[in-house]
Amino acid sequence: MNKLFLLVPAVALFQSIASAAPILPDTIGDWKKGPVAAAPVPDRKVWQEYGLQASEKAPYADGARQYTISAYRFTDATGAFAAFEEVRPDNSKPIPVSGLGAANATDEAVAVGNYLFVFSGYKPKPEELNHIVGTVPLYAQSPLPSLPRYMPAGAQPNSERYILGPDSLAQFAPSIPPSTAAFHFNAEGELAKYGTPGKEVTLALFTYPTMEMARDRIVHFQQVPGTMVKRSGPLVAVVLKAANPDDAERLLSRIRYQAEVTVPERVPTQKDNPANLFLNIFILCLVLAGFCLVSGLVVGGLRILLRRSGASGDGDNMISLHLSGHQ
């Protein structure tokens, strides 16, 4: 118990030191780090709701070449994902990276684990990005939110926004009251725009821990003026002030929840290899044969030593019983 009491302050001290440590490395290949400052935050209340813990902005130079990195650390990957959707570069397209990435001609944003990196004026090489991720303090890997995959395809590029609480709801869907979304039920939401300007449709999709909670929320969402609502499993889809009700109905019809059951897959080991089984049997036979041989030599050697030492050896004589048929 005393060791536990000593361990808790030690862990807290380590975390405080790691939190105060610089986020970005001093060098990235040939690039040298410049003066450090706090990274700009688009909306501090919203990003605090996302779980923002620390940020850092620094220029990197290699001779006359220069670019800037803004790094943000969040509580988990969900917060980094939500911030990534908000700060993706204009006219950016998804790129293949470890995590989530989007880039345009000059800038790039990458969300990896609980970190978000925004590169201004440069698109890093894979080995440079791996070096940055491998050196940041308090890195944590966790699953990304599953809600976005239920959003219908065809949304306006980079119009998606993630909602984690009342502040982000007020920022992206102010017509929905926080009490209607009921974030105290651990609700989360994803919002996106569909269609063309002038005929666009805004869809907000909320997820709840149980179907019963989602069913209870439908009545509250239907009371919001200008909305059309549909429930599918634990999901509640809300179309906000659609210019064309038919377009809203078609969009809602594409919301379909499908439960997924993940069965842990057994990974084969060497024990499942028949050749390895026979090899182990052969080795076991050799070990037993060697043990028998050594044991026989030891017993025989002891008997010879006993005889040479003058032991009577009476115990070794054979006792014969001369039995015959005579009474």
Protein backbone atom coordinates (compact mmCIF):
# COMPACT_ATOMS: atom_id res chain seq x y z
CA MET A 1 0.00 0.00 0.00
CA ASN A 2 2.88 2.37 0.80
CA LYS A 3 4.39 1.64 -2.61
CA LEU A 4 1.06 2.50 -4.23
CA PHE A 5 0.90 5.83 -2.41
CA LEU A 6 4.41 6.61 -3.67
CA LEU A 7 3.58 5.52 -7.22
CA VAL A 8 0.56 7.80 -7.66
CA PRO A 9 2.48 11.08 -7.05
CA ALA A 10 5.29 9.79 -9.27
CA VAL A 11 2.87 9.18 -12.14
CA ALA A 12 1.26 12.59 -11.65
CA LEU A 13 4.70 14.23 -11.63
CA PHE A 14 5.67 12.41 -14.83
CA GLN A 15 2.46 13.51 -16.56
CA SER A 16 2.96 17.13 -15.51
CA ILE A 17 6.52 17.10 -16.82
CA ALA A 18 5.43 15.49 -20.08
CA SER A 19 2.61 18.03 -20.46
CA ALA A 20 5.06 20.89 -20.13
CA ALA A 21 7.51 19.34 -22.57
CA PRO A 22 7.76 20.78 -26.11
CA ILE A 23 5.47 19.09 -28.59
CA LEU A 24 7.45 19.43 -31.82
CA PRO A 25 11.00 18.08 -32.25
CA ASP A 26 14.03 20.36 -32.63
CA THR A 27 14.90 18.89 -36.00
CA ILE A 28 13.01 17.05 -38.73
CA GLY A 29 15.64 15.72 -41.09
CA ASP A 30 17.46 18.80 -42.39
CA TRP A 31 14.77 21.16 -41.09
CA LYS A 32 15.64 23.21 -37.98
CA LYS A 33 13.05 24.41 -35.50
CA GLY A 34 12.59 28.15 -34.94
CA PRO A 35 10.95 30.19 -32.15
CA VAL A 36 7.98 28.50 -30.50
CA ALA A 37 4.59 30.06 -29.82
CA ALA A 38 1.10 28.88 -28.95
CA ALA A 39 -0.81 27.63 -31.99
CA PRO A 40 -3.91 29.62 -32.98
CA VAL A 41 -7.25 28.09 -32.00
CA PRO A 42 -10.25 28.85 -34.26
CA ASP A 43 -12.81 28.72 -31.44
CA ARG A 44 -11.41 28.13 -27.97
CA LYS A 45 -14.72 27.16 -26.35
CA VAL A 46 -15.44 24.58 -29.04
CA TRP A 47 -11.92 23.18 -28.96
CA GLN A 48 -11.96 22.97 -25.18
CA GLU A 49 -15.09 20.89 -25.65
CA TYR A 50 -13.11 18.72 -28.07
CA GLY A 51 -10.60 18.13 -25.26
CA LEU A 52 -7.73 20.42 -26.28
CA GLN A 53 -4.84 20.02 -23.84
CA ALA A 54 -1.88 21.84 -25.42
CA SER A 55 -0.81 23.49 -28.64
CA GLU A 56 2.40 24.65 -30.24
CA LYS A 57 3.38 26.49 -33.41
CA ALA A 58 6.90 26.68 -34.77
CA PRO A 59 8.62 27.56 -38.05
CA TYR A 60 11.08 25.12 -39.63
CA ALA A 61 13.85 26.24 -41.98
CA ASP A 62 16.33 24.53 -44.27
CA GLY A 63 18.41 27.28 -45.76
CA ALA A 64 16.10 29.64 -47.63
CA ARG A 65 13.18 27.22 -47.46
CA GLN A 66 10.71 27.59 -44.61
CA TYR A 67 7.31 26.33 -43.48
CA THR A 68 5.22 26.27 -40.28
CA ILE A 69 3.73 23.47 -38.18
CA SER A 70 0.81 23.95 -35.79
CA ALA A 71 0.42 21.00 -33.41
CA TYR A 72 -2.55 20.33 -31.11
CA ARG A 73 -2.88 17.61 -28.45
CA PHE A 74 -6.34 16.40 -27.41
CA THR A 75 -7.65 14.02 -24.78
CA ASP A 76 -8.38 11.31 -27.35
CA ALA A 77 -8.64 10.59 -31.06
CA THR A 78 -12.27 11.77 -31.20
CA GLY A 79 -11.27 15.31 -30.28
CA ALA A 80 -8.44 15.30 -32.83
CA PHE A 81 -10.87 14.02 -35.48
CA ALA A 82 -13.40 16.76 -34.68
CA ALA A 83 -10.75 19.48 -34.90
CA PHE A 84 -9.39 17.98 -38.13
CA GLU A 85 -12.78 18.31 -39.81
CA GLU A 86 -12.87 22.00 -38.88
CA VAL A 87 -9.36 23.07 -39.95
CA ARG A 88 -8.85 21.07 -43.13
CA PRO A 89 -7.28 23.32 -45.78
CA ASP A 90 -9.64 24.95 -48.27
CA ASN A 91 -10.29 22.86 -51.37
CA SER A 92 -8.34 19.97 -49.81
CA LYS A 93 -8.72 16.34 -50.73
CA PRO A 94 -8.08 13.20 -48.63
CA ILE A 95 -4.56 11.82 -48.79
CA PRO A 96 -3.20 8.41 -47.73
CA VAL A 97 -1.41 8.85 -44.40
CA SER A 98 -1.20 7.07 -41.08
CA GLY A 99 -4.44 8.37 -39.55
CA LEU A 100 -6.48 11.03 -41.35
CA GLY A 101 -5.05 13.47 -43.85
CA ALA A 102 -6.19 16.18 -46.24
CA ALA A 103 -4.12 18.48 -48.43
CA ASN A 104 -4.38 21.12 -51.14
CA ALA A 105 -1.61 22.49 -53.34
CA THR A 106 0.34 24.06 -50.46
CA ASP A 107 -1.00 22.97 -47.05
CA GLU A 108 -1.75 19.71 -45.27
CA ALA A 109 -3.60 18.62 -42.12
CA VAL A 110 -3.05 15.26 -40.43
CA ALA A 111 -4.82 13.74 -37.41
CA VAL A 112 -2.95 10.84 -35.80
CA GLY A 113 -4.01 9.40 -32.46
CA ASN A 114 -4.84 12.27 -30.12
CA TYR A 115 -2.78 14.78 -32.15
CA LEU A 116 -3.60 17.18 -34.99
CA PHE A 117 -0.85 18.65 -37.14
CA VAL A 118 -1.36 21.48 -39.63
CA PHE A 119 1.48 22.09 -42.11
CA SER A 120 1.45 25.52 -43.79
CA GLY A 121 3.53 25.83 -46.93
CA TYR A 122 4.78 22.25 -46.96
CA LYS A 123 3.60 18.64 -47.29
CA PRO A 124 5.81 16.34 -45.19
CA LYS A 125 7.26 13.08 -46.38
CA PRO A 126 6.06 9.89 -44.65
CA GLU A 127 9.34 9.45 -42.76
CA GLU A 128 9.18 13.06 -41.55
CA LEU A 129 5.63 12.62 -40.30
CA ASN A 130 6.59 9.36 -38.56
CA HIS A 131 9.46 11.17 -36.85
CA ILE A 132 7.13 13.88 -35.55
CA VAL A 133 4.55 11.39 -34.26
CA GLY A 134 7.27 9.26 -32.68
CA THR A 135 8.65 12.16 -30.62
CA VAL A 136 5.52 13.94 -29.36
CA PRO A 137 4.78 13.62 -25.60
CA LEU A 138 1.71 11.86 -24.19
CA TYR A 139 0.73 10.29 -27.49
CA ALA A 140 -2.38 8.07 -27.21
CA GLN A 141 -4.02 5.87 -29.81
CA SER A 142 -7.75 5.18 -29.63
CA PRO A 143 -10.51 4.26 -32.11
CA LEU A 144 -12.00 6.95 -34.32
CA PRO A 145 -15.73 7.65 -33.97
CA SER A 146 -17.90 5.31 -36.03
CA LEU A 147 -20.73 7.81 -36.60
CA PRO A 148 -19.34 9.40 -39.82
CA ARG A 149 -19.58 6.15 -41.76
CA TYR A 150 -23.39 6.27 -41.43
CA MET A 151 -23.54 9.63 -43.20
CA PRO A 152 -24.85 9.35 -46.78
CA ALA A 153 -22.29 9.77 -49.54
CA GLY A 154 -22.28 12.89 -51.70
CA ALA A 155 -21.82 15.61 -49.08
CA GLN A 156 -20.31 18.92 -50.12
CA PRO A 157 -16.50 18.62 -49.87
CA ASN A 158 -15.16 19.47 -46.40
CA SER A 159 -18.60 20.45 -45.09
CA GLU A 160 -18.58 17.81 -42.36
CA ARG A 161 -18.41 18.97 -38.75
CA TYR A 162 -18.34 16.86 -35.58
CA ILE A 163 -20.45 17.80 -32.54
CA LEU A 164 -19.44 16.80 -29.02
CA GLY A 165 -21.39 19.20 -26.81
CA PRO A 166 -23.43 22.40 -26.50
CA ASP A 167 -20.66 24.72 -27.76
CA SER A 168 -20.00 22.85 -31.00
CA LEU A 169 -23.77 22.41 -31.46
CA ALA A 170 -24.27 26.18 -31.14
CA GLN A 171 -21.44 26.74 -33.61
CA PHE A 172 -22.61 24.37 -36.36
CA ALA A 173 -26.35 23.80 -35.73
CA PRO A 174 -27.62 26.72 -33.60
CA SER A 175 -31.28 25.98 -34.34
CA ILE A 176 -31.11 22.79 -32.23
CA PRO A 177 -31.28 23.45 -28.46
CA PRO A 178 -28.68 21.59 -26.35
CA SER A 179 -31.48 20.13 -24.22
CA THR A 180 -32.93 18.53 -27.34
CA ALA A 181 -29.65 16.85 -28.28
CA ALA A 182 -29.26 15.77 -24.62
CA PHE A 183 -25.49 15.46 -24.40
CA HIS A 184 -25.83 14.18 -20.83
CA PHE A 185 -26.76 10.89 -22.53
CA ASN A 186 -23.25 10.84 -24.06
CA ALA A 187 -24.64 11.86 -27.44
CA GLU A 188 -22.36 12.77 -30.34
CA GLY A 189 -23.25 14.24 -33.71
CA GLU A 190 -21.98 14.66 -37.25
CA LEU A 191 -23.22 17.42 -39.55
CA ALA A 192 -22.79 17.84 -43.30
CA LYS A 193 -24.30 19.78 -46.20
CA TYR A 194 -25.72 18.18 -49.34
CA GLY A 195 -26.87 19.50 -52.69
CA THR A 196 -25.88 22.73 -54.42
CA PRO A 197 -25.86 26.30 -53.05
CA GLY A 198 -29.42 27.59 -52.95
CA LYS A 199 -30.79 24.06 -52.84
CA GLU A 200 -28.57 22.66 -50.16
CA VAL A 201 -29.77 20.40 -47.37
CA THR A 202 -28.13 20.28 -43.94
CA LEU A 203 -28.17 16.90 -42.24
CA ALA A 204 -27.28 16.35 -38.59
CA LEU A 205 -26.89 12.78 -37.39
CA PHE A 206 -26.81 12.02 -33.66
CA THR A 207 -25.91 8.75 -31.97
CA TYR A 208 -27.00 7.55 -28.52
CA PRO A 209 -25.86 4.64 -26.35
CA THR A 210 -29.18 2.77 -26.70
CA MET A 211 -32.12 2.60 -29.08
CA GLU A 212 -34.48 3.56 -26.25
CA MET A 213 -32.65 6.86 -25.74
CA ALA A 214 -32.81 7.59 -29.47
CA ARG A 215 -36.53 6.78 -29.56
CA ASP A 216 -37.12 9.16 -26.66
CA ARG A 217 -35.23 11.98 -28.45
CA ILE A 218 -37.36 11.89 -31.61
CA VAL A 219 -40.25 13.75 -29.98
CA HIS A 220 -37.92 16.54 -28.85
CA PHE A 221 -36.26 16.92 -32.25
CA GLN A 222 -39.65 17.07 -33.98
CA GLN A 223 -40.51 20.12 -31.87
CA VAL A 224 -37.65 22.10 -33.47
CA PRO A 225 -39.20 24.31 -36.20
CA GLY A 226 -38.38 23.40 -39.79
CA THR A 227 -36.93 19.94 -39.12
CA MET A 228 -37.61 16.50 -40.49
CA VAL A 229 -36.57 13.61 -38.24
CA LYS A 230 -35.93 9.89 -38.63
CA ARG A 231 -34.63 7.24 -36.25
CA SER A 232 -32.65 4.19 -37.27
CA GLY A 233 -31.45 2.06 -34.37
CA PRO A 234 -29.56 4.33 -31.94
CA LEU A 235 -29.23 7.03 -34.63
CA VAL A 236 -31.42 10.11 -34.97
CA ALA A 237 -31.18 11.94 -38.30
CA VAL A 238 -32.35 15.56 -38.46
CA VAL A 239 -32.69 17.64 -41.65
CA LEU A 240 -32.56 21.37 -40.87
CA LYS A 241 -34.69 23.83 -42.84
CA ALA A 242 -34.59 22.03 -46.16
CA ALA A 243 -35.49 24.16 -49.18
CA ASN A 244 -37.17 21.15 -50.78
CA PRO A 245 -38.98 18.64 -48.52
CA ASP A 246 -38.63 15.95 -51.19
CA ASP A 247 -34.84 16.30 -51.15
CA ALA A 248 -34.91 16.05 -47.35
CA GLU A 249 -37.05 12.91 -47.52
CA ARG A 250 -34.71 11.28 -50.04
CA LEU A 251 -31.73 12.11 -47.84
CA LEU A 252 -33.35 10.68 -44.72
CA SER A 253 -34.23 7.45 -46.54
CA ARG A 254 -30.50 6.78 -46.97
CA ILE A 255 -29.89 6.66 -43.21
CA ARG A 256 -29.75 3.00 -42.24
CA TYR A 257 -28.17 1.69 -39.11
CA GLN A 258 -26.66 -1.77 -39.29
CA ALA A 259 -25.47 -3.39 -36.10
CA GLU A 260 -22.05 -4.96 -36.28
CA VAL A 261 -20.79 -7.75 -34.07
CA THR A 262 -17.05 -8.06 -33.89
CA VAL A 263 -15.86 -11.60 -33.20
CA PRO A 264 -12.25 -11.79 -32.04
CA GLU A 265 -10.31 -13.73 -34.61
CA ARG A 266 -8.01 -16.40 -33.24
CA VAL A 267 -4.46 -15.91 -34.43
CA PRO A 268 -2.73 -19.22 -35.34
CA THR A 269 0.43 -20.03 -33.38
CA GLN A 270 3.23 -22.55 -33.76
CA LYS A 271 1.19 -24.99 -31.69
CA ASP A 272 -1.27 -25.24 -34.58
CA ASN A 273 1.47 -26.33 -37.00
CA PRO A 274 1.56 -30.17 -37.35
CA ALA A 275 5.22 -30.14 -38.38
CA ASN A 276 6.08 -28.19 -35.25
CA LEU A 277 4.09 -30.73 -33.17
CA PHE A 278 6.04 -33.70 -34.56
CA LEU A 279 9.31 -31.84 -34.09
CA ASN A 280 8.48 -31.25 -30.42
CA ILE A 281 7.58 -34.93 -29.99
CA PHE A 282 10.91 -35.98 -31.53
CA ILE A 283 12.79 -33.58 -29.26
CA LEU A 284 10.90 -34.93 -26.23
CA CYS A 285 11.86 -38.52 -27.19
CA LEU A 286 15.51 -37.51 -27.47
CA VAL A 287 15.36 -35.84 -24.07
CA LEU A 288 13.76 -38.92 -22.45
CA ALA A 289 16.28 -41.26 -24.12
CA GLY A 290 19.14 -39.09 -22.92
CA PHE A 291 17.70 -39.03 -19.43
CA CYS A 292 17.41 -42.83 -19.40
CA LEU A 293 20.97 -43.23 -20.68
CA VAL A 294 22.40 -40.86 -18.10
CA SER A 295 20.37 -42.48 -15.31
CA GLY A 296 21.63 -45.95 -16.30
CA LEU A 297 25.23 -44.78 -16.33
CA VAL A 298 24.82 -43.15 -12.92
CA VAL A 299 23.22 -46.27 -11.37
CA GLY A 300 25.79 -48.59 -12.92
CA GLY A 301 28.66 -46.39 -11.80
CA LEU A 302 27.37 -46.31 -8.25
CA ARG A 303 27.10 -50.09 -8.14
CA ILE A 304 30.71 -50.49 -9.35
CA LEU A 305 31.93 -48.02 -6.74
CA LEU A 306 30.08 -49.85 -4.00
CA ARG A 307 31.62 -53.20 -4.97
CA ARG A 308 35.14 -51.77 -5.13
CA SER A 309 34.69 -50.16 -1.73
CA GLY A 310 34.22 -53.57 -0.14
CA ALA A 311 30.52 -53.56 0.34
CA SER A 312 29.12 -57.05 0.96
CA GLY A 313 26.66 -56.81 -1.81
CA ASP A 314 24.36 -59.27 -0.03
CA GLY A 315 21.48 -57.31 -1.19
CA ASP A 316 22.42 -58.21 -4.72
CA ASN A 317 22.40 -62.00 -4.20
CA MET A 318 19.56 -63.90 -5.72
CA ILE A 319 17.42 -65.81 -3.28
CA SER A 320 16.41 -69.16 -4.69
CA LEU A 321 13.60 -71.19 -3.24
CA HIS A 322 14.23 -74.90 -4.01
CA LEU A 323 10.68 -76.03 -4.22
CA SER A 324 9.74 -79.45 -5.33
CA GLY A 325 6.74 -81.66 -5.30
CA HIS A 326 7.95 -83.65 -2.16
CA GLN A 327 6.16 -83.04 1.08
